[in-house]
């Protein structure tokens, strides 16, 4: 156990809190869920920064950090899709969650054949994560039953579609890198 991994654990343990407070009636639940989500998103940056600067990178941390990111984004997207129930939000959410499943499977397979570094996290993946965090934070803040807040929906959707675009682009880049191995005859 080290400090960066502790921040990753905190991010995972905050997921149920986001779900619970999101369902508090009125805008207060949305505001509180957004604050918790933002704090959790900040721990993603903090744990990476500390791991690099304190030289505390571990194999377990390298495994757990992206899992925590995928869990928090996926679960928050599910909350937003469930509340809004519209195709315009479900489609980019499905693209984002679906991509995470595909790339996780691809990374696992590439690791099995000894080529894990071919599909290592890229700069595009980092940008995608930032866009997803911004989109999800804004969409959690939007309260459809409240009188105001449409600006959060509009900006949240804009960032969500940008994130979905980056998601598809990064998936293309990973698959392109793995393609020679994927199509190689046995």
N, C-alpha and C. Protein backbone atom coordinates (compact mmCIF):
# COMPACT_ATOMS: atom_id res chain seq x y z
N UNK A 1 0.86 -1.19 0.00
CA UNK A 1 0.00 0.00 0.00
C UNK A 1 0.89 1.23 0.00
N UNK A 2 0.57 2.16 -0.88
CA UNK A 2 1.29 3.42 -0.90
C UNK A 2 0.26 4.54 -1.11
N UNK A 3 0.73 5.78 -1.08
CA UNK A 3 -0.18 6.93 -1.16
C UNK A 3 -0.93 6.99 -2.49
N UNK A 4 -0.26 6.81 -3.65
CA UNK A 4 -1.02 6.84 -4.91
C UNK A 4 -2.12 5.78 -4.96
N UNK A 5 -1.83 4.58 -4.50
CA UNK A 5 -2.86 3.53 -4.51
C UNK A 5 -4.00 3.87 -3.56
N UNK A 6 -3.70 4.53 -2.46
CA UNK A 6 -4.74 4.96 -1.52
C UNK A 6 -5.72 5.91 -2.22
N UNK A 7 -5.20 6.83 -3.03
CA UNK A 7 -6.08 7.73 -3.78
C UNK A 7 -6.94 6.96 -4.79
N UNK A 8 -6.39 5.93 -5.38
CA UNK A 8 -7.18 5.11 -6.31
C UNK A 8 -8.29 4.39 -5.55
N UNK A 9 -7.99 3.85 -4.38
CA UNK A 9 -9.02 3.21 -3.55
C UNK A 9 -10.12 4.21 -3.19
N UNK A 10 -9.71 5.42 -2.83
CA UNK A 10 -10.70 6.45 -2.48
C UNK A 10 -11.64 6.68 -3.66
N UNK A 11 -11.08 6.76 -4.88
CA UNK A 11 -11.90 6.97 -6.08
C UNK A 11 -12.93 5.85 -6.22
N UNK A 12 -12.52 4.63 -6.01
CA UNK A 12 -13.43 3.49 -6.12
C UNK A 12 -14.50 3.54 -5.03
N UNK A 13 -14.10 3.87 -3.80
CA UNK A 13 -15.06 3.92 -2.70
C UNK A 13 -16.04 5.09 -2.81
N UNK A 14 -15.71 6.10 -3.61
CA UNK A 14 -16.62 7.22 -3.81
C UNK A 14 -17.74 6.90 -4.80
N UNK A 15 -17.59 5.84 -5.57
CA UNK A 15 -18.61 5.49 -6.58
C UNK A 15 -19.98 5.26 -5.94
N UNK A 16 -20.10 4.43 -4.90
CA UNK A 16 -21.44 4.26 -4.30
C UNK A 16 -22.00 5.56 -3.73
N UNK A 17 -21.13 6.43 -3.23
CA UNK A 17 -21.60 7.72 -2.71
C UNK A 17 -22.21 8.56 -3.82
N UNK A 18 -21.58 8.54 -5.00
CA UNK A 18 -22.13 9.29 -6.14
C UNK A 18 -23.52 8.77 -6.48
N UNK A 19 -23.67 7.46 -6.52
CA UNK A 19 -24.96 6.85 -6.87
C UNK A 19 -26.02 7.24 -5.85
N UNK A 20 -25.70 7.11 -4.59
CA UNK A 20 -26.69 7.40 -3.53
C UNK A 20 -27.12 8.86 -3.56
N UNK A 21 -26.17 9.79 -3.58
CA UNK A 21 -26.54 11.21 -3.51
C UNK A 21 -27.18 11.70 -4.80
N UNK A 22 -26.88 11.05 -5.92
CA UNK A 22 -27.50 11.44 -7.19
C UNK A 22 -29.03 11.35 -7.11
N UNK A 23 -29.51 10.42 -6.31
CA UNK A 23 -30.96 10.21 -6.20
C UNK A 23 -31.63 11.02 -5.09
N UNK A 24 -30.89 11.91 -4.44
CA UNK A 24 -31.52 12.84 -3.51
C UNK A 24 -32.39 13.78 -4.36
N UNK A 25 -33.65 13.95 -4.02
CA UNK A 25 -34.54 14.78 -4.85
C UNK A 25 -34.06 16.22 -5.00
N UNK A 26 -34.33 16.77 -6.17
CA UNK A 26 -34.00 18.17 -6.44
C UNK A 26 -32.56 18.35 -6.88
N UNK A 27 -32.18 19.60 -7.01
CA UNK A 27 -30.85 19.89 -7.54
C UNK A 27 -29.73 19.60 -6.55
N UNK A 28 -30.04 19.54 -5.25
CA UNK A 28 -29.00 19.30 -4.25
C UNK A 28 -28.29 17.97 -4.49
N UNK A 29 -29.05 16.93 -4.83
CA UNK A 29 -28.44 15.63 -5.10
C UNK A 29 -27.50 15.68 -6.28
N UNK A 30 -27.91 16.41 -7.31
CA UNK A 30 -27.07 16.54 -8.51
C UNK A 30 -25.80 17.33 -8.19
N UNK A 31 -25.94 18.38 -7.42
CA UNK A 31 -24.78 19.19 -7.06
C UNK A 31 -23.81 18.36 -6.22
N UNK A 32 -24.33 17.65 -5.24
CA UNK A 32 -23.48 16.85 -4.38
C UNK A 32 -22.81 15.70 -5.16
N UNK A 33 -23.55 15.05 -6.04
CA UNK A 33 -22.97 13.99 -6.87
C UNK A 33 -21.85 14.54 -7.74
N UNK A 34 -22.04 15.74 -8.27
CA UNK A 34 -21.02 16.38 -9.11
C UNK A 34 -19.78 16.72 -8.30
N UNK A 35 -19.98 17.22 -7.10
CA UNK A 35 -18.84 17.56 -6.24
C UNK A 35 -18.04 16.30 -5.91
N UNK A 36 -18.74 15.23 -5.56
CA UNK A 36 -18.04 13.98 -5.24
C UNK A 36 -17.33 13.44 -6.48
N UNK A 37 -18.01 13.49 -7.63
CA UNK A 37 -17.40 13.02 -8.88
C UNK A 37 -16.16 13.85 -9.20
N UNK A 38 -16.24 15.16 -9.07
CA UNK A 38 -15.09 16.03 -9.35
C UNK A 38 -13.93 15.71 -8.41
N UNK A 39 -14.25 15.50 -7.15
CA UNK A 39 -13.20 15.11 -6.19
C UNK A 39 -12.56 13.79 -6.57
N UNK A 40 -13.39 12.84 -6.98
CA UNK A 40 -12.87 11.54 -7.41
C UNK A 40 -12.02 11.70 -8.67
N UNK A 41 -12.48 12.51 -9.61
CA UNK A 41 -11.71 12.74 -10.84
C UNK A 41 -10.36 13.38 -10.51
N UNK A 42 -10.35 14.27 -9.55
CA UNK A 42 -9.11 14.91 -9.13
C UNK A 42 -8.13 13.88 -8.56
N UNK A 43 -8.65 12.88 -7.86
CA UNK A 43 -7.75 11.85 -7.32
C UNK A 43 -7.06 11.07 -8.43
N UNK A 44 -7.65 11.03 -9.62
CA UNK A 44 -7.01 10.36 -10.75
C UNK A 44 -5.71 11.09 -11.11
N UNK A 45 -5.79 12.40 -11.17
CA UNK A 45 -4.59 13.18 -11.47
C UNK A 45 -3.59 13.08 -10.32
N UNK A 46 -4.09 13.19 -9.08
CA UNK A 46 -3.21 13.18 -7.90
C UNK A 46 -2.46 11.86 -7.79
N UNK A 47 -3.15 10.74 -7.99
CA UNK A 47 -2.44 9.47 -7.81
C UNK A 47 -1.36 9.27 -8.86
N UNK A 48 -1.63 9.69 -10.10
CA UNK A 48 -0.60 9.60 -11.14
C UNK A 48 0.58 10.52 -10.86
N UNK A 49 0.28 11.74 -10.43
CA UNK A 49 1.33 12.71 -10.11
C UNK A 49 2.21 12.19 -8.98
N UNK A 50 1.58 11.70 -7.92
CA UNK A 50 2.34 11.19 -6.78
C UNK A 50 3.14 9.94 -7.13
N UNK A 51 2.54 9.05 -7.89
CA UNK A 51 3.24 7.82 -8.26
C UNK A 51 4.52 8.15 -9.03
N UNK A 52 4.44 9.12 -9.94
CA UNK A 52 5.62 9.51 -10.72
C UNK A 52 6.64 10.27 -9.85
N UNK A 53 6.17 11.25 -9.10
CA UNK A 53 7.09 12.12 -8.36
C UNK A 53 7.63 11.52 -7.07
N UNK A 54 6.92 10.58 -6.50
CA UNK A 54 7.43 9.90 -5.30
C UNK A 54 8.06 8.55 -5.65
N UNK A 55 8.10 8.28 -6.95
CA UNK A 55 8.64 7.01 -7.44
C UNK A 55 7.94 5.83 -6.75
N UNK A 56 6.60 5.90 -6.73
CA UNK A 56 5.80 4.86 -6.08
C UNK A 56 4.89 4.15 -7.07
N UNK A 57 5.31 4.08 -8.32
CA UNK A 57 4.53 3.33 -9.31
C UNK A 57 4.63 1.84 -9.00
N UNK A 58 3.48 1.17 -9.05
CA UNK A 58 3.47 -0.27 -8.81
C UNK A 58 2.66 -0.95 -9.90
N UNK A 59 2.89 -2.23 -10.07
CA UNK A 59 2.10 -2.99 -11.05
C UNK A 59 0.64 -3.00 -10.65
N UNK A 60 0.38 -3.13 -9.35
CA UNK A 60 -1.00 -3.13 -8.88
C UNK A 60 -1.67 -1.78 -9.16
N UNK A 61 -0.95 -0.69 -8.92
CA UNK A 61 -1.48 0.64 -9.20
C UNK A 61 -1.74 0.84 -10.69
N UNK A 62 -0.82 0.33 -11.52
CA UNK A 62 -1.01 0.44 -12.98
C UNK A 62 -2.24 -0.35 -13.43
N UNK A 63 -2.57 -1.42 -12.72
CA UNK A 63 -3.78 -2.18 -13.03
C UNK A 63 -5.02 -1.47 -12.50
N UNK A 64 -4.98 -1.05 -11.23
CA UNK A 64 -6.18 -0.54 -10.56
C UNK A 64 -6.61 0.84 -11.03
N UNK A 65 -5.66 1.72 -11.36
CA UNK A 65 -6.00 3.08 -11.75
C UNK A 65 -6.94 3.14 -12.95
N UNK A 66 -6.64 2.46 -14.07
CA UNK A 66 -7.59 2.53 -15.19
C UNK A 66 -8.92 1.84 -14.89
N UNK A 67 -8.89 0.82 -14.03
CA UNK A 67 -10.14 0.16 -13.64
C UNK A 67 -11.03 1.16 -12.90
N UNK A 68 -10.43 1.91 -11.98
CA UNK A 68 -11.18 2.92 -11.22
C UNK A 68 -11.77 3.97 -12.17
N UNK A 69 -10.97 4.41 -13.14
CA UNK A 69 -11.46 5.40 -14.11
C UNK A 69 -12.65 4.87 -14.89
N UNK A 70 -12.52 3.65 -15.39
CA UNK A 70 -13.58 3.06 -16.20
C UNK A 70 -14.85 2.84 -15.37
N UNK A 71 -14.68 2.41 -14.13
CA UNK A 71 -15.85 2.20 -13.26
C UNK A 71 -16.59 3.50 -12.99
N UNK A 72 -15.87 4.53 -12.60
CA UNK A 72 -16.54 5.77 -12.21
C UNK A 72 -17.22 6.43 -13.41
N UNK A 73 -16.56 6.44 -14.56
CA UNK A 73 -17.16 7.04 -15.75
C UNK A 73 -18.36 6.22 -16.21
N UNK A 74 -18.22 4.90 -16.26
CA UNK A 74 -19.31 4.04 -16.73
C UNK A 74 -20.53 4.15 -15.83
N UNK A 75 -20.32 4.09 -14.54
CA UNK A 75 -21.46 4.14 -13.61
C UNK A 75 -22.13 5.51 -13.64
N UNK A 76 -21.33 6.58 -13.72
CA UNK A 76 -21.93 7.91 -13.81
C UNK A 76 -22.71 8.08 -15.12
N UNK A 77 -22.17 7.54 -16.22
CA UNK A 77 -22.90 7.61 -17.49
C UNK A 77 -24.21 6.83 -17.41
N UNK A 78 -24.20 5.69 -16.75
CA UNK A 78 -25.43 4.91 -16.58
C UNK A 78 -26.46 5.72 -15.80
N UNK A 79 -26.03 6.43 -14.76
CA UNK A 79 -26.95 7.27 -13.98
C UNK A 79 -27.60 8.33 -14.88
N UNK A 80 -26.78 9.00 -15.67
CA UNK A 80 -27.28 10.08 -16.53
C UNK A 80 -28.21 9.52 -17.61
N UNK A 81 -27.81 8.42 -18.24
CA UNK A 81 -28.66 7.80 -19.28
C UNK A 81 -29.98 7.36 -18.68
N UNK A 82 -29.94 6.75 -17.50
CA UNK A 82 -31.17 6.28 -16.86
C UNK A 82 -32.10 7.44 -16.55
N UNK A 83 -31.53 8.56 -16.13
CA UNK A 83 -32.38 9.70 -15.77
C UNK A 83 -32.96 10.40 -17.01
N UNK A 84 -32.14 10.59 -18.02
CA UNK A 84 -32.61 11.33 -19.19
C UNK A 84 -33.37 10.45 -20.18
N UNK A 85 -32.96 9.20 -20.31
CA UNK A 85 -33.67 8.25 -21.16
C UNK A 85 -33.80 8.67 -22.62
N UNK A 86 -32.79 9.29 -23.16
CA UNK A 86 -32.84 9.78 -24.55
C UNK A 86 -31.72 9.14 -25.36
N UNK A 87 -31.99 8.88 -26.63
CA UNK A 87 -31.00 8.28 -27.51
C UNK A 87 -29.78 9.18 -27.68
N UNK A 88 -29.98 10.51 -27.69
CA UNK A 88 -28.86 11.41 -27.91
C UNK A 88 -27.82 11.34 -26.80
N UNK A 89 -28.20 10.80 -25.66
CA UNK A 89 -27.22 10.61 -24.57
C UNK A 89 -26.80 9.15 -24.48
N UNK A 90 -27.71 8.24 -24.80
CA UNK A 90 -27.41 6.81 -24.70
C UNK A 90 -26.39 6.37 -25.75
N UNK A 91 -26.45 6.94 -26.95
CA UNK A 91 -25.54 6.52 -28.02
C UNK A 91 -24.08 6.85 -27.69
N UNK A 92 -23.73 8.10 -27.35
CA UNK A 92 -22.32 8.33 -27.01
C UNK A 92 -21.89 7.59 -25.74
N UNK A 93 -22.81 7.42 -24.80
CA UNK A 93 -22.48 6.65 -23.59
C UNK A 93 -22.17 5.20 -23.95
N UNK A 94 -22.97 4.62 -24.85
CA UNK A 94 -22.73 3.24 -25.29
C UNK A 94 -21.39 3.13 -26.03
N UNK A 95 -21.07 4.14 -26.84
CA UNK A 95 -19.78 4.16 -27.55
C UNK A 95 -18.64 4.16 -26.54
N UNK A 96 -18.73 5.01 -25.53
CA UNK A 96 -17.67 5.13 -24.53
C UNK A 96 -17.52 3.84 -23.73
N UNK A 97 -18.62 3.31 -23.22
CA UNK A 97 -18.55 2.09 -22.42
C UNK A 97 -18.13 0.90 -23.28
N UNK A 98 -18.67 0.81 -24.49
CA UNK A 98 -18.32 -0.28 -25.39
C UNK A 98 -16.84 -0.26 -25.74
N UNK A 99 -16.31 0.91 -26.00
CA UNK A 99 -14.88 1.04 -26.32
C UNK A 99 -14.02 0.55 -25.17
N UNK A 100 -14.42 0.89 -23.95
CA UNK A 100 -13.64 0.47 -22.79
C UNK A 100 -13.57 -1.06 -22.70
N UNK A 101 -14.68 -1.71 -23.01
CA UNK A 101 -14.71 -3.17 -22.98
C UNK A 101 -13.80 -3.74 -24.07
N UNK A 102 -13.91 -3.20 -25.28
CA UNK A 102 -13.10 -3.68 -26.41
C UNK A 102 -11.62 -3.50 -26.13
N UNK A 103 -11.23 -2.32 -25.68
CA UNK A 103 -9.81 -2.05 -25.47
C UNK A 103 -9.27 -2.83 -24.27
N UNK A 104 -10.07 -3.02 -23.24
CA UNK A 104 -9.63 -3.85 -22.11
C UNK A 104 -9.36 -5.28 -22.58
N UNK A 105 -10.26 -5.81 -23.40
CA UNK A 105 -10.06 -7.17 -23.94
C UNK A 105 -8.84 -7.21 -24.85
N UNK A 106 -8.67 -6.18 -25.67
CA UNK A 106 -7.51 -6.12 -26.57
C UNK A 106 -6.21 -6.08 -25.78
N UNK A 107 -6.17 -5.27 -24.74
CA UNK A 107 -4.96 -5.18 -23.91
C UNK A 107 -4.66 -6.51 -23.23
N UNK A 108 -5.70 -7.16 -22.75
CA UNK A 108 -5.50 -8.46 -22.11
C UNK A 108 -4.93 -9.47 -23.10
N UNK A 109 -5.50 -9.51 -24.30
CA UNK A 109 -5.04 -10.44 -25.33
C UNK A 109 -3.61 -10.12 -25.75
N UNK A 110 -3.32 -8.84 -25.95
CA UNK A 110 -1.97 -8.44 -26.34
C UNK A 110 -0.96 -8.79 -25.24
N UNK A 111 -1.36 -8.65 -23.99
CA UNK A 111 -0.47 -9.04 -22.89
C UNK A 111 -0.22 -10.55 -22.93
N UNK A 112 -1.26 -11.33 -23.24
CA UNK A 112 -1.10 -12.78 -23.32
C UNK A 112 -0.09 -13.21 -24.38
N UNK A 113 0.01 -12.43 -25.46
CA UNK A 113 0.96 -12.79 -26.51
C UNK A 113 2.27 -12.01 -26.38
N UNK A 114 2.44 -11.31 -25.26
CA UNK A 114 3.69 -10.61 -24.98
C UNK A 114 3.86 -9.29 -25.71
N UNK A 115 2.77 -8.67 -26.11
CA UNK A 115 2.86 -7.41 -26.86
C UNK A 115 2.07 -6.28 -26.18
N UNK A 116 2.01 -6.30 -24.88
CA UNK A 116 1.25 -5.32 -24.11
C UNK A 116 1.65 -3.88 -24.45
N UNK A 117 2.94 -3.63 -24.68
CA UNK A 117 3.39 -2.26 -24.94
C UNK A 117 2.86 -1.71 -26.26
N UNK A 118 2.40 -2.59 -27.15
CA UNK A 118 1.83 -2.13 -28.43
C UNK A 118 0.54 -1.36 -28.23
N UNK A 119 -0.14 -1.62 -27.11
CA UNK A 119 -1.42 -0.95 -26.83
C UNK A 119 -1.38 -0.24 -25.48
N UNK A 120 -0.22 0.33 -25.16
CA UNK A 120 -0.08 1.09 -23.92
C UNK A 120 -0.89 2.38 -24.02
N UNK A 121 -1.22 2.95 -22.87
CA UNK A 121 -2.01 4.18 -22.82
C UNK A 121 -1.28 5.28 -23.59
N UNK A 122 -2.03 6.00 -24.40
CA UNK A 122 -1.44 7.06 -25.24
C UNK A 122 -1.92 8.43 -24.76
N UNK A 123 -1.33 9.45 -25.36
CA UNK A 123 -1.73 10.83 -25.06
C UNK A 123 -3.19 11.07 -25.45
N UNK A 124 -3.62 10.46 -26.54
CA UNK A 124 -5.02 10.59 -26.98
C UNK A 124 -5.95 10.04 -25.89
N UNK A 125 -5.54 8.92 -25.27
CA UNK A 125 -6.32 8.34 -24.19
C UNK A 125 -6.43 9.27 -23.00
N UNK A 126 -5.38 10.02 -22.72
CA UNK A 126 -5.42 10.99 -21.62
C UNK A 126 -6.41 12.12 -21.93
N UNK A 127 -6.37 12.61 -23.17
CA UNK A 127 -7.31 13.66 -23.58
C UNK A 127 -8.74 13.15 -23.50
N UNK A 128 -8.96 11.93 -23.97
CA UNK A 128 -10.28 11.30 -23.91
C UNK A 128 -10.79 11.25 -22.47
N UNK A 129 -9.92 10.88 -21.55
CA UNK A 129 -10.32 10.79 -20.15
C UNK A 129 -10.71 12.15 -19.60
N UNK A 130 -9.95 13.18 -19.91
CA UNK A 130 -10.28 14.54 -19.44
C UNK A 130 -11.64 14.97 -20.00
N UNK A 131 -11.86 14.75 -21.30
CA UNK A 131 -13.14 15.12 -21.91
C UNK A 131 -14.29 14.35 -21.26
N UNK A 132 -14.07 13.07 -20.99
CA UNK A 132 -15.12 12.27 -20.35
C UNK A 132 -15.44 12.81 -18.96
N UNK A 133 -14.41 13.14 -18.20
CA UNK A 133 -14.62 13.64 -16.84
C UNK A 133 -15.38 14.97 -16.88
N UNK A 134 -15.02 15.86 -17.80
CA UNK A 134 -15.74 17.13 -17.94
C UNK A 134 -17.20 16.89 -18.33
N UNK A 135 -17.40 16.04 -19.32
CA UNK A 135 -18.76 15.75 -19.80
C UNK A 135 -19.62 15.17 -18.69
N UNK A 136 -19.09 14.16 -18.03
CA UNK A 136 -19.88 13.48 -16.99
C UNK A 136 -20.16 14.43 -15.83
N UNK A 137 -19.18 15.22 -15.44
CA UNK A 137 -19.40 16.19 -14.36
C UNK A 137 -20.53 17.16 -14.69
N UNK A 138 -20.51 17.68 -15.90
CA UNK A 138 -21.57 18.62 -16.31
C UNK A 138 -22.93 17.93 -16.41
N UNK A 139 -22.94 16.71 -16.93
CA UNK A 139 -24.22 15.99 -17.06
C UNK A 139 -24.78 15.57 -15.71
N UNK A 140 -23.92 15.25 -14.76
CA UNK A 140 -24.40 14.96 -13.40
C UNK A 140 -25.02 16.21 -12.78
N UNK A 141 -24.47 17.36 -13.10
CA UNK A 141 -24.95 18.62 -12.54
C UNK A 141 -26.32 19.01 -13.07
N UNK A 142 -26.60 18.59 -14.30
CA UNK A 142 -27.89 18.93 -14.90
C UNK A 142 -29.03 18.21 -14.18
N UNK A 143 -30.04 18.97 -13.79
CA UNK A 143 -31.20 18.42 -13.10
C UNK A 143 -32.43 18.69 -13.96
N UNK A 144 -32.95 17.67 -14.67
CA UNK A 144 -34.07 17.90 -15.58
C UNK A 144 -35.36 18.34 -14.88
N UNK A 145 -35.49 18.02 -13.59
CA UNK A 145 -36.71 18.39 -12.87
C UNK A 145 -36.62 19.78 -12.24
N UNK A 146 -35.44 20.41 -12.39
CA UNK A 146 -35.23 21.74 -11.84
C UNK A 146 -35.48 22.78 -12.94
N UNK A 147 -35.74 23.98 -12.54
CA UNK A 147 -36.10 25.03 -13.50
C UNK A 147 -34.92 25.47 -14.37
N UNK A 148 -33.72 25.45 -13.84
CA UNK A 148 -32.56 25.95 -14.58
C UNK A 148 -31.56 24.82 -14.82
N UNK A 149 -30.50 25.14 -15.51
CA UNK A 149 -29.43 24.17 -15.67
C UNK A 149 -29.25 23.61 -17.06
N UNK A 150 -29.99 24.13 -18.04
CA UNK A 150 -29.86 23.60 -19.40
C UNK A 150 -28.46 23.82 -19.97
N UNK A 151 -27.78 24.86 -19.48
CA UNK A 151 -26.41 25.10 -19.96
C UNK A 151 -25.51 23.92 -19.60
N UNK A 152 -25.75 23.28 -18.45
CA UNK A 152 -24.95 22.11 -18.08
C UNK A 152 -25.20 20.96 -19.05
N UNK A 153 -26.46 20.80 -19.44
CA UNK A 153 -26.81 19.76 -20.41
C UNK A 153 -26.14 20.04 -21.75
N UNK A 154 -26.23 21.26 -22.23
CA UNK A 154 -25.68 21.60 -23.55
C UNK A 154 -24.16 21.42 -23.56
N UNK A 155 -23.48 21.99 -22.57
CA UNK A 155 -22.02 21.85 -22.52
C UNK A 155 -21.62 20.41 -22.23
N UNK A 156 -22.37 19.75 -21.37
CA UNK A 156 -22.09 18.34 -21.07
C UNK A 156 -22.21 17.47 -22.30
N UNK A 157 -23.26 17.71 -23.10
CA UNK A 157 -23.42 16.95 -24.34
C UNK A 157 -22.30 17.25 -25.34
N UNK A 158 -21.91 18.52 -25.43
CA UNK A 158 -20.81 18.88 -26.34
C UNK A 158 -19.54 18.13 -25.96
N UNK A 159 -19.21 18.15 -24.68
CA UNK A 159 -18.02 17.43 -24.23
C UNK A 159 -18.19 15.92 -24.38
N UNK A 160 -19.41 15.42 -24.17
CA UNK A 160 -19.66 13.99 -24.31
C UNK A 160 -19.44 13.53 -25.75
N UNK A 161 -19.92 14.32 -26.70
CA UNK A 161 -19.72 13.97 -28.11
C UNK A 161 -18.25 14.10 -28.51
N UNK A 162 -17.56 15.10 -27.97
CA UNK A 162 -16.12 15.20 -28.22
C UNK A 162 -15.40 13.98 -27.62
N UNK A 163 -15.80 13.61 -26.41
CA UNK A 163 -15.19 12.44 -25.76
C UNK A 163 -15.48 11.17 -26.56
N UNK A 164 -16.71 11.03 -27.06
CA UNK A 164 -17.05 9.84 -27.86
C UNK A 164 -16.21 9.82 -29.15
N UNK A 165 -16.01 10.98 -29.76
CA UNK A 165 -15.15 11.05 -30.94
C UNK A 165 -13.72 10.65 -30.63
N UNK A 166 -13.18 11.18 -29.53
CA UNK A 166 -11.82 10.80 -29.11
C UNK A 166 -11.76 9.32 -28.73
N UNK A 167 -12.85 8.82 -28.19
CA UNK A 167 -12.94 7.41 -27.82
C UNK A 167 -12.80 6.54 -29.07
N UNK A 168 -13.54 6.90 -30.11
CA UNK A 168 -13.46 6.13 -31.35
C UNK A 168 -12.08 6.26 -31.99
N UNK A 169 -11.53 7.47 -31.96
CA UNK A 169 -10.21 7.69 -32.54
C UNK A 169 -9.15 6.87 -31.79
N UNK A 170 -9.18 6.90 -30.47
CA UNK A 170 -8.18 6.15 -29.70
C UNK A 170 -8.37 4.65 -29.91
N UNK A 171 -9.62 4.20 -30.03
CA UNK A 171 -9.86 2.78 -30.29
C UNK A 171 -9.28 2.39 -31.65
N UNK A 172 -9.48 3.26 -32.64
CA UNK A 172 -8.91 3.01 -33.96
C UNK A 172 -7.38 2.89 -33.87
N UNK A 173 -6.76 3.80 -33.13
CA UNK A 173 -5.30 3.79 -33.00
C UNK A 173 -4.82 2.50 -32.31
N UNK A 174 -5.50 2.07 -31.28
CA UNK A 174 -5.11 0.84 -30.59
C UNK A 174 -5.30 -0.38 -31.49
N UNK A 175 -6.42 -0.44 -32.17
CA UNK A 175 -6.67 -1.59 -33.06
C UNK A 175 -5.68 -1.58 -34.22
N UNK A 176 -5.38 -0.40 -34.73
CA UNK A 176 -4.39 -0.30 -35.82
C UNK A 176 -3.04 -0.83 -35.35
N UNK A 177 -2.63 -0.48 -34.14
CA UNK A 177 -1.36 -0.95 -33.59
C UNK A 177 -1.36 -2.47 -33.40
N UNK A 178 -2.51 -3.02 -33.05
CA UNK A 178 -2.60 -4.46 -32.79
C UNK A 178 -2.95 -5.26 -34.04
N UNK A 179 -3.37 -4.59 -35.11
CA UNK A 179 -3.88 -5.27 -36.29
C UNK A 179 -2.96 -6.36 -36.85
N UNK A 180 -1.67 -6.11 -36.98
CA UNK A 180 -0.80 -7.18 -37.50
C UNK A 180 -0.88 -8.47 -36.67
N UNK A 181 -0.98 -8.32 -35.36
CA UNK A 181 -1.09 -9.49 -34.49
C UNK A 181 -2.48 -10.11 -34.53
N UNK A 182 -3.50 -9.25 -34.70
CA UNK A 182 -4.87 -9.75 -34.76
C UNK A 182 -5.13 -10.56 -36.04
N UNK A 183 -4.46 -10.21 -37.11
CA UNK A 183 -4.72 -10.85 -38.39
C UNK A 183 -3.68 -11.89 -38.77
N UNK A 184 -2.70 -12.11 -37.90
CA UNK A 184 -1.65 -13.08 -38.17
C UNK A 184 -2.22 -14.50 -38.14
N UNK A 185 -1.85 -15.33 -39.10
CA UNK A 185 -2.31 -16.72 -39.12
C UNK A 185 -1.66 -17.49 -37.98
N UNK A 186 -2.39 -18.47 -37.51
CA UNK A 186 -1.85 -19.30 -36.43
C UNK A 186 -0.80 -20.19 -36.91
